[in-house]
PDB file of N, CA and C in Angstrom:
ATOM      1  N   UNK A   1       2.494  -1.863  -9.714  1.00  0.00           N
ATOM      2  CA  UNK A   1       2.705  -3.224  -9.296  1.00  0.00           C
ATOM      3  C   UNK A   1       4.115  -3.309  -8.724  1.00  0.00           C
ATOM      4  N   UNK A   2       4.236  -3.928  -7.591  1.00  0.00           N
ATOM      5  CA  UNK A   2       5.520  -4.066  -6.916  1.00  0.00           C
ATOM      6  C   UNK A   2       5.795  -5.551  -6.731  1.00  0.00           C
ATOM      7  N   UNK A   3       6.955  -5.986  -7.170  1.00  0.00           N
ATOM      8  CA  UNK A   3       7.374  -7.368  -6.945  1.00  0.00           C
ATOM      9  C   UNK A   3       8.406  -7.343  -5.827  1.00  0.00           C
ATOM     10  N   UNK A   4       8.272  -8.216  -4.858  1.00  0.00           N
ATOM     11  CA  UNK A   4       9.197  -8.223  -3.730  1.00  0.00           C
ATOM     12  C   UNK A   4       9.420  -9.637  -3.244  1.00  0.00           C
ATOM     13  N   UNK A   5      10.625  -9.912  -2.806  1.00  0.00           N
ATOM     14  CA  UNK A   5      10.933 -11.154  -2.118  1.00  0.00           C
ATOM     15  C   UNK A   5      10.978 -10.834  -0.634  1.00  0.00           C
ATOM     16  N   UNK A   6      10.151 -11.458   0.131  1.00  0.00           N
ATOM     17  CA  UNK A   6      10.121 -11.200   1.560  1.00  0.00           C
ATOM     18  C   UNK A   6       8.832 -11.724   2.147  1.00  0.00           C
ATOM     19  N   UNK A   7       8.749 -11.633   3.461  1.00  0.00           N
ATOM     20  CA  UNK A   7       7.583 -12.165   4.158  1.00  0.00           C
ATOM     21  C   UNK A   7       6.653 -11.081   4.663  1.00  0.00           C
ATOM     22  N   UNK A   8       7.092  -9.813   4.647  1.00  0.00           N
ATOM     23  CA  UNK A   8       6.265  -8.749   5.201  1.00  0.00           C
ATOM     24  C   UNK A   8       6.327  -7.487   4.349  1.00  0.00           C
ATOM     25  N   UNK A   9       5.769  -7.468   3.137  1.00  0.00           N
ATOM     26  CA  UNK A   9       5.762  -6.208   2.406  1.00  0.00           C
ATOM     27  C   UNK A   9       4.859  -5.201   3.093  1.00  0.00           C
ATOM     28  N   UNK A  10       5.267  -3.968   3.086  1.00  0.00           N
ATOM     29  CA  UNK A  10       4.551  -2.908   3.769  1.00  0.00           C
ATOM     30  C   UNK A  10       4.612  -1.670   2.885  1.00  0.00           C
ATOM     31  N   UNK A  11       3.492  -1.049   2.601  1.00  0.00           N
ATOM     32  CA  UNK A  11       3.456   0.086   1.693  1.00  0.00           C
ATOM     33  C   UNK A  11       3.112   1.395   2.355  1.00  0.00           C
ATOM     34  N   UNK A  12       4.104   2.063   2.966  1.00  0.00           N
ATOM     35  CA  UNK A  12       3.831   3.373   3.536  1.00  0.00           C
ATOM     36  C   UNK A  12       3.716   4.428   2.450  1.00  0.00           C
ATOM     37  N   UNK A  13       2.898   5.394   2.682  1.00  0.00           N
ATOM     38  CA  UNK A  13       2.768   6.533   1.787  1.00  0.00           C
ATOM     39  C   UNK A  13       2.217   7.695   2.589  1.00  0.00           C
ATOM     40  N   UNK A  14       2.156   8.860   1.973  1.00  0.00           N
ATOM     41  CA  UNK A  14       1.609   9.994   2.717  1.00  0.00           C
ATOM     42  C   UNK A  14       0.102   9.876   2.851  1.00  0.00           C
ATOM     43  N   UNK A  15      -0.399  10.322   3.968  1.00  0.00           N
ATOM     44  CA  UNK A  15      -1.834  10.461   4.161  1.00  0.00           C
ATOM     45  C   UNK A  15      -2.121  11.956   4.077  1.00  0.00           C
ATOM     46  N   UNK A  16      -3.147  12.359   3.328  1.00  0.00           N
ATOM     47  CA  UNK A  16      -3.428  13.780   3.164  1.00  0.00           C
ATOM     48  C   UNK A  16      -4.853  13.983   2.684  1.00  0.00           C
ATOM     49  N   UNK A  17      -5.293  15.260   2.633  1.00  0.00           N
ATOM     50  CA  UNK A  17      -6.650  15.538   2.174  1.00  0.00           C
ATOM     51  C   UNK A  17      -6.890  15.141   0.718  1.00  0.00           C
ATOM     52  N   UNK A  18      -5.836  15.024  -0.102  1.00  0.00           N
ATOM     53  CA  UNK A  18      -6.011  14.664  -1.508  1.00  0.00           C
ATOM     54  C   UNK A  18      -5.620  13.219  -1.800  1.00  0.00           C
ATOM     55  N   UNK A  19      -5.294  12.461  -0.766  1.00  0.00           N
ATOM     56  CA  UNK A  19      -4.895  11.067  -0.960  1.00  0.00           C
ATOM     57  C   UNK A  19      -6.109  10.201  -1.281  1.00  0.00           C
ATOM     58  N   UNK A  20      -5.867   9.101  -1.977  1.00  0.00           N
ATOM     59  CA  UNK A  20      -6.979   8.315  -2.509  1.00  0.00           C
ATOM     60  C   UNK A  20      -7.431   7.177  -1.611  1.00  0.00           C
ATOM     61  N   UNK A  21      -8.497   6.556  -2.072  1.00  0.00           N
ATOM     62  CA  UNK A  21      -8.788   5.208  -1.627  1.00  0.00           C
ATOM     63  C   UNK A  21      -8.028   4.298  -2.589  1.00  0.00           C
ATOM     64  N   UNK A  22      -7.532   3.183  -2.080  1.00  0.00           N
ATOM     65  CA  UNK A  22      -6.626   2.327  -2.844  1.00  0.00           C
ATOM     66  C   UNK A  22      -7.107   0.883  -2.750  1.00  0.00           C
ATOM     67  N   UNK A  23      -7.297   0.249  -3.906  1.00  0.00           N
ATOM     68  CA  UNK A  23      -7.606  -1.182  -3.946  1.00  0.00           C
ATOM     69  C   UNK A  23      -6.288  -1.937  -3.836  1.00  0.00           C
ATOM     70  N   UNK A  24      -6.237  -2.928  -2.939  1.00  0.00           N
ATOM     71  CA  UNK A  24      -5.011  -3.682  -2.670  1.00  0.00           C
ATOM     72  C   UNK A  24      -5.196  -5.126  -3.129  1.00  0.00           C
ATOM     73  N   UNK A  25      -4.238  -5.596  -3.930  1.00  0.00           N
ATOM     74  CA  UNK A  25      -4.207  -6.991  -4.360  1.00  0.00           C
ATOM     75  C   UNK A  25      -2.844  -7.564  -3.996  1.00  0.00           C
ATOM     76  N   UNK A  26      -2.830  -8.729  -3.391  1.00  0.00           N
ATOM     77  CA  UNK A  26      -1.594  -9.418  -3.047  1.00  0.00           C
ATOM     78  C   UNK A  26      -1.606 -10.768  -3.744  1.00  0.00           C
ATOM     79  N   UNK A  27      -0.617 -10.980  -4.587  1.00  0.00           N
ATOM     80  CA  UNK A  27      -0.523 -12.220  -5.372  1.00  0.00           C
ATOM     81  C   UNK A  27      -1.815 -12.502  -6.135  1.00  0.00           C
ATOM     82  N   UNK A  28      -2.430 -11.429  -6.675  1.00  0.00           N
ATOM     83  CA  UNK A  28      -3.622 -11.560  -7.493  1.00  0.00           C
ATOM     84  C   UNK A  28      -4.925 -11.677  -6.737  1.00  0.00           C
ATOM     85  N   UNK A  29      -4.876 -11.681  -5.411  1.00  0.00           N
ATOM     86  CA  UNK A  29      -6.079 -11.806  -4.588  1.00  0.00           C
ATOM     87  C   UNK A  29      -6.403 -10.470  -3.930  1.00  0.00           C
ATOM     88  N   UNK A  30      -7.646 -10.035  -4.053  1.00  0.00           N
ATOM     89  CA  UNK A  30      -8.061  -8.775  -3.450  1.00  0.00           C
ATOM     90  C   UNK A  30      -7.925  -8.844  -1.929  1.00  0.00           C
ATOM     91  N   UNK A  31      -7.336  -7.804  -1.377  1.00  0.00           N
ATOM     92  CA  UNK A  31      -7.227  -7.671   0.080  1.00  0.00           C
ATOM     93  C   UNK A  31      -8.066  -6.503   0.583  1.00  0.00           C
ATOM     94  N   UNK A  32      -8.964  -6.021  -0.289  1.00  0.00           N
ATOM     95  CA  UNK A  32      -9.860  -4.939   0.105  1.00  0.00           C
ATOM     96  C   UNK A  32      -9.349  -3.580  -0.331  1.00  0.00           C
ATOM     97  N   UNK A  33      -9.921  -2.565   0.289  1.00  0.00           N
ATOM     98  CA  UNK A  33      -9.604  -1.177  -0.032  1.00  0.00           C
ATOM     99  C   UNK A  33      -9.113  -0.482   1.227  1.00  0.00           C
ATOM    100  N   UNK A  34      -8.084   0.348   1.073  1.00  0.00           N
ATOM    101  CA  UNK A  34      -7.601   1.157   2.186  1.00  0.00           C
ATOM    102  C   UNK A  34      -7.854   2.620   1.861  1.00  0.00           C
ATOM    103  N   UNK A  35      -7.988   3.421   2.889  1.00  0.00           N
ATOM    104  CA  UNK A  35      -8.248   4.842   2.732  1.00  0.00           C
ATOM    105  C   UNK A  35      -7.046   5.611   3.266  1.00  0.00           C
ATOM    106  N   UNK A  36      -6.396   6.389   2.394  1.00  0.00           N
ATOM    107  CA  UNK A  36      -5.206   7.145   2.788  1.00  0.00           C
ATOM    108  C   UNK A  36      -5.543   8.597   3.131  1.00  0.00           C
ATOM    109  N   UNK A  37      -6.822   8.902   3.338  1.00  0.00           N
ATOM    110  CA  UNK A  37      -7.225  10.269   3.655  1.00  0.00           C
ATOM    111  C   UNK A  37      -6.798  10.664   5.055  1.00  0.00           C
ATOM    112  N   UNK A  38      -6.369  11.910   5.184  1.00  0.00           N
ATOM    113  CA  UNK A  38      -6.106  12.527   6.481  1.00  0.00           C
ATOM    114  C   UNK A  38      -6.409  14.012   6.340  1.00  0.00           C
ATOM    115  N   UNK A  39      -6.899  14.653   7.391  1.00  0.00           N
ATOM    116  CA  UNK A  39      -7.226  16.080   7.328  1.00  0.00           C
ATOM    117  C   UNK A  39      -5.996  16.942   7.059  1.00  0.00           C
ATOM    118  N   UNK A  40      -4.817  16.464   7.466  1.00  0.00           N
ATOM    119  CA  UNK A  40      -3.564  17.181   7.178  1.00  0.00           C
ATOM    120  C   UNK A  40      -2.554  16.170   6.647  1.00  0.00           C
ATOM    121  N   UNK A  41      -1.558  16.661   5.873  1.00  0.00           N
ATOM    122  CA  UNK A  41      -0.579  15.763   5.270  1.00  0.00           C
ATOM    123  C   UNK A  41       0.308  15.130   6.342  1.00  0.00           C
ATOM    124  N   UNK A  42       0.489  13.816   6.278  1.00  0.00           N
ATOM    125  CA  UNK A  42       1.344  13.074   7.198  1.00  0.00           C
ATOM    126  C   UNK A  42       2.204  12.137   6.361  1.00  0.00           C
ATOM    127  N   UNK A  43       3.509  12.385   6.307  1.00  0.00           N
ATOM    128  CA  UNK A  43       4.415  11.605   5.473  1.00  0.00           C
ATOM    129  C   UNK A  43       4.652  10.214   6.051  1.00  0.00           C
ATOM    130  N   UNK A  44       4.937   9.278   5.173  1.00  0.00           N
ATOM    131  CA  UNK A  44       5.367   7.917   5.484  1.00  0.00           C
ATOM    132  C   UNK A  44       4.461   7.212   6.493  1.00  0.00           C
ATOM    133  N   UNK A  45       3.167   7.256   6.234  1.00  0.00           N
ATOM    134  CA  UNK A  45       2.200   6.534   7.051  1.00  0.00           C
ATOM    135  C   UNK A  45       1.992   5.142   6.460  1.00  0.00           C
ATOM    136  N   UNK A  46       1.902   4.140   7.287  1.00  0.00           N
ATOM    137  CA  UNK A  46       1.652   2.785   6.789  1.00  0.00           C
ATOM    138  C   UNK A  46       0.187   2.692   6.394  1.00  0.00           C
ATOM    139  N   UNK A  47      -0.053   2.509   5.093  1.00  0.00           N
ATOM    140  CA  UNK A  47      -1.432   2.403   4.620  1.00  0.00           C
ATOM    141  C   UNK A  47      -1.828   0.952   4.359  1.00  0.00           C
ATOM    142  N   UNK A  48      -0.841   0.057   4.238  1.00  0.00           N
ATOM    143  CA  UNK A  48      -1.125  -1.372   4.102  1.00  0.00           C
ATOM    144  C   UNK A  48       0.074  -2.149   4.611  1.00  0.00           C
ATOM    145  N   UNK A  49      -0.185  -3.197   5.357  1.00  0.00           N
ATOM    146  CA  UNK A  49       0.879  -4.044   5.879  1.00  0.00           C
ATOM    147  C   UNK A  49       0.358  -5.468   5.984  1.00  0.00           C
ATOM    148  N   UNK A  50       1.236  -6.426   5.758  1.00  0.00           N
ATOM    149  CA  UNK A  50       0.868  -7.834   5.880  1.00  0.00           C
ATOM    150  C   UNK A  50       2.072  -8.569   6.457  1.00  0.00           C
ATOM    151  N   UNK A  51       1.824  -9.634   7.187  1.00  0.00           N
ATOM    152  CA  UNK A  51       2.926 -10.430   7.725  1.00  0.00           C
ATOM    153  C   UNK A  51       2.583 -11.905   7.581  1.00  0.00           C
ATOM    154  N   UNK A  52       3.572 -12.759   7.793  1.00  0.00           N
ATOM    155  CA  UNK A  52       3.358 -14.192   7.781  1.00  0.00           C
ATOM    156  C   UNK A  52       3.296 -14.816   6.402  1.00  0.00           C
ATOM    157  N   UNK A  53       3.743 -14.099   5.383  1.00  0.00           N
ATOM    158  CA  UNK A  53       3.744 -14.677   4.040  1.00  0.00           C
ATOM    159  C   UNK A  53       4.848 -15.720   3.916  1.00  0.00           C
ATOM    160  N   UNK A  54       4.654 -16.730   3.084  1.00  0.00           N
ATOM    161  CA  UNK A  54       5.738 -17.689   2.857  1.00  0.00           C
ATOM    162  C   UNK A  54       6.895 -17.005   2.127  1.00  0.00           C
ATOM    163  N   UNK A  55       8.103 -17.458   2.376  1.00  0.00           N
ATOM    164  CA  UNK A  55       9.271 -16.907   1.704  1.00  0.00           C
ATOM    165  C   UNK A  55       9.109 -17.112   0.212  1.00  0.00           C
ATOM    166  N   UNK A  56       9.443 -16.111  -0.563  1.00  0.00           N
ATOM    167  CA  UNK A  56       9.341 -16.211  -2.009  1.00  0.00           C
ATOM    168  C   UNK A  56       8.911 -14.900  -2.612  1.00  0.00           C
ATOM    169  N   UNK A  57       8.703 -14.922  -3.902  1.00  0.00           N
ATOM    170  CA  UNK A  57       8.331 -13.728  -4.640  1.00  0.00           C
ATOM    171  C   UNK A  57       6.834 -13.471  -4.486  1.00  0.00           C
ATOM    172  N   UNK A  58       6.493 -12.209  -4.191  1.00  0.00           N
ATOM    173  CA  UNK A  58       5.111 -11.786  -4.045  1.00  0.00           C
ATOM    174  C   UNK A  58       4.863 -10.552  -4.887  1.00  0.00           C
ATOM    175  N   UNK A  59       3.629 -10.392  -5.351  1.00  0.00           N
ATOM    176  CA  UNK A  59       3.262  -9.232  -6.153  1.00  0.00           C
ATOM    177  C   UNK A  59       2.182  -8.444  -5.421  1.00  0.00           C
ATOM    178  N   UNK A  60       2.472  -7.172  -5.159  1.00  0.00           N
ATOM    179  CA  UNK A  60       1.530  -6.263  -4.520  1.00  0.00           C
ATOM    180  C   UNK A  60       1.093  -5.260  -5.578  1.00  0.00           C
ATOM    181  N   UNK A  61      -0.217  -5.199  -5.828  1.00  0.00           N
ATOM    182  CA  UNK A  61      -0.767  -4.257  -6.795  1.00  0.00           C
ATOM    183  C   UNK A  61      -1.652  -3.271  -6.048  1.00  0.00           C
ATOM    184  N   UNK A  62      -1.364  -1.982  -6.195  1.00  0.00           N
ATOM    185  CA  UNK A  62      -2.136  -0.909  -5.578  1.00  0.00           C
ATOM    186  C   UNK A  62      -2.775  -0.103  -6.695  1.00  0.00           C
ATOM    187  N   UNK A  63      -4.102   0.040  -6.650  1.00  0.00           N
ATOM    188  CA  UNK A  63      -4.818   0.764  -7.699  1.00  0.00           C
ATOM    189  C   UNK A  63      -5.618   1.893  -7.068  1.00  0.00           C
ATOM    190  N   UNK A  64      -5.374   3.119  -7.527  1.00  0.00           N
ATOM    191  CA  UNK A  64      -6.101   4.278  -7.016  1.00  0.00           C
ATOM    192  C   UNK A  64      -7.554   4.176  -7.466  1.00  0.00           C
ATOM    193  N   UNK A  65      -8.488   4.208  -6.502  1.00  0.00           N
ATOM    194  CA  UNK A  65      -9.906   4.102  -6.823  1.00  0.00           C
ATOM    195  C   UNK A  65     -10.661   5.388  -6.517  1.00  0.00           C
ATOM    196  N   UNK A  66     -10.001   6.352  -5.926  1.00  0.00           N
ATOM    197  CA  UNK A  66     -10.616   7.639  -5.620  1.00  0.00           C
ATOM    198  C   UNK A  66      -9.535   8.606  -5.187  1.00  0.00           C
ATOM    199  N   UNK A  67      -9.881   9.883  -5.061  1.00  0.00           N
ATOM    200  CA  UNK A  67      -8.905  10.879  -4.647  1.00  0.00           C
ATOM    201  C   UNK A  67      -8.131  11.438  -5.826  1.00  0.00           C
ATOM    202  N   UNK A  68      -7.307  12.436  -5.553  1.00  0.00           N
ATOM    203  CA  UNK A  68      -6.595  13.155  -6.613  1.00  0.00           C
ATOM    204  C   UNK A  68      -5.299  12.462  -7.030  1.00  0.00           C
ATOM    205  N   UNK A  69      -4.501  11.999  -6.069  1.00  0.00           N
ATOM    206  CA  UNK A  69      -3.184  11.448  -6.357  1.00  0.00           C
ATOM    207  C   UNK A  69      -2.919  10.216  -5.500  1.00  0.00           C
ATOM    208  N   UNK A  70      -2.062   9.336  -6.008  1.00  0.00           N
ATOM    209  CA  UNK A  70      -1.544   8.246  -5.194  1.00  0.00           C
ATOM    210  C   UNK A  70      -0.028   8.364  -5.200  1.00  0.00           C
ATOM    211  N   UNK A  71       0.549   8.536  -4.024  1.00  0.00           N
ATOM    212  CA  UNK A  71       1.989   8.687  -3.875  1.00  0.00           C
ATOM    213  C   UNK A  71       2.490   7.622  -2.917  1.00  0.00           C
ATOM    214  N   UNK A  72       3.563   6.957  -3.284  1.00  0.00           N
ATOM    215  CA  UNK A  72       4.233   6.035  -2.369  1.00  0.00           C
ATOM    216  C   UNK A  72       5.571   6.662  -2.042  1.00  0.00           C
ATOM    217  N   UNK A  73       5.766   7.064  -0.789  1.00  0.00           N
ATOM    218  CA  UNK A  73       7.021   7.708  -0.437  1.00  0.00           C
ATOM    219  C   UNK A  73       8.002   6.799   0.282  1.00  0.00           C
ATOM    220  N   UNK A  74       7.632   5.534   0.448  1.00  0.00           N
ATOM    221  CA  UNK A  74       8.540   4.534   1.000  1.00  0.00           C
ATOM    222  C   UNK A  74       7.878   3.180   0.851  1.00  0.00           C
ATOM    223  N   UNK A  75       8.678   2.143   0.656  1.00  0.00           N
ATOM    224  CA  UNK A  75       8.155   0.789   0.585  1.00  0.00           C
ATOM    225  C   UNK A  75       9.128  -0.110   1.315  1.00  0.00           C
ATOM    226  N   UNK A  76       8.644  -0.867   2.288  1.00  0.00           N
ATOM    227  CA  UNK A  76       9.506  -1.739   3.100  1.00  0.00           C
ATOM    228  C   UNK A  76       9.168  -3.200   2.824  1.00  0.00           C
ATOM    229  N   UNK A  77      10.209  -4.016   2.770  1.00  0.00           N
ATOM    230  CA  UNK A  77      10.039  -5.448   2.684  1.00  0.00           C
ATOM    231  C   UNK A  77      10.892  -6.079   3.768  1.00  0.00           C
ATOM    232  N   UNK A  78      10.264  -6.891   4.608  1.00  0.00           N
ATOM    233  CA  UNK A  78      10.993  -7.491   5.719  1.00  0.00           C
ATOM    234  C   UNK A  78      11.321  -8.926   5.469  1.00  0.00           C
TER     235      UNK A  78
END
């Protein structure tokens, strides 16, 4: 779970053959599932991004739903 103040949280992570599918929740509301799979490892790929949020505190919850590992190698808040 990541708490951030900002309008554009963005969760880059590596995409790779062992990367998972990830359930995304923003402020407690499901935003669906993203797939971080790639045939070869690619560092710092944007796997989820959102914009236009109201200024204030937001909670982003990422839950691994498949795959071997979930790695976040960078997290940006704009």
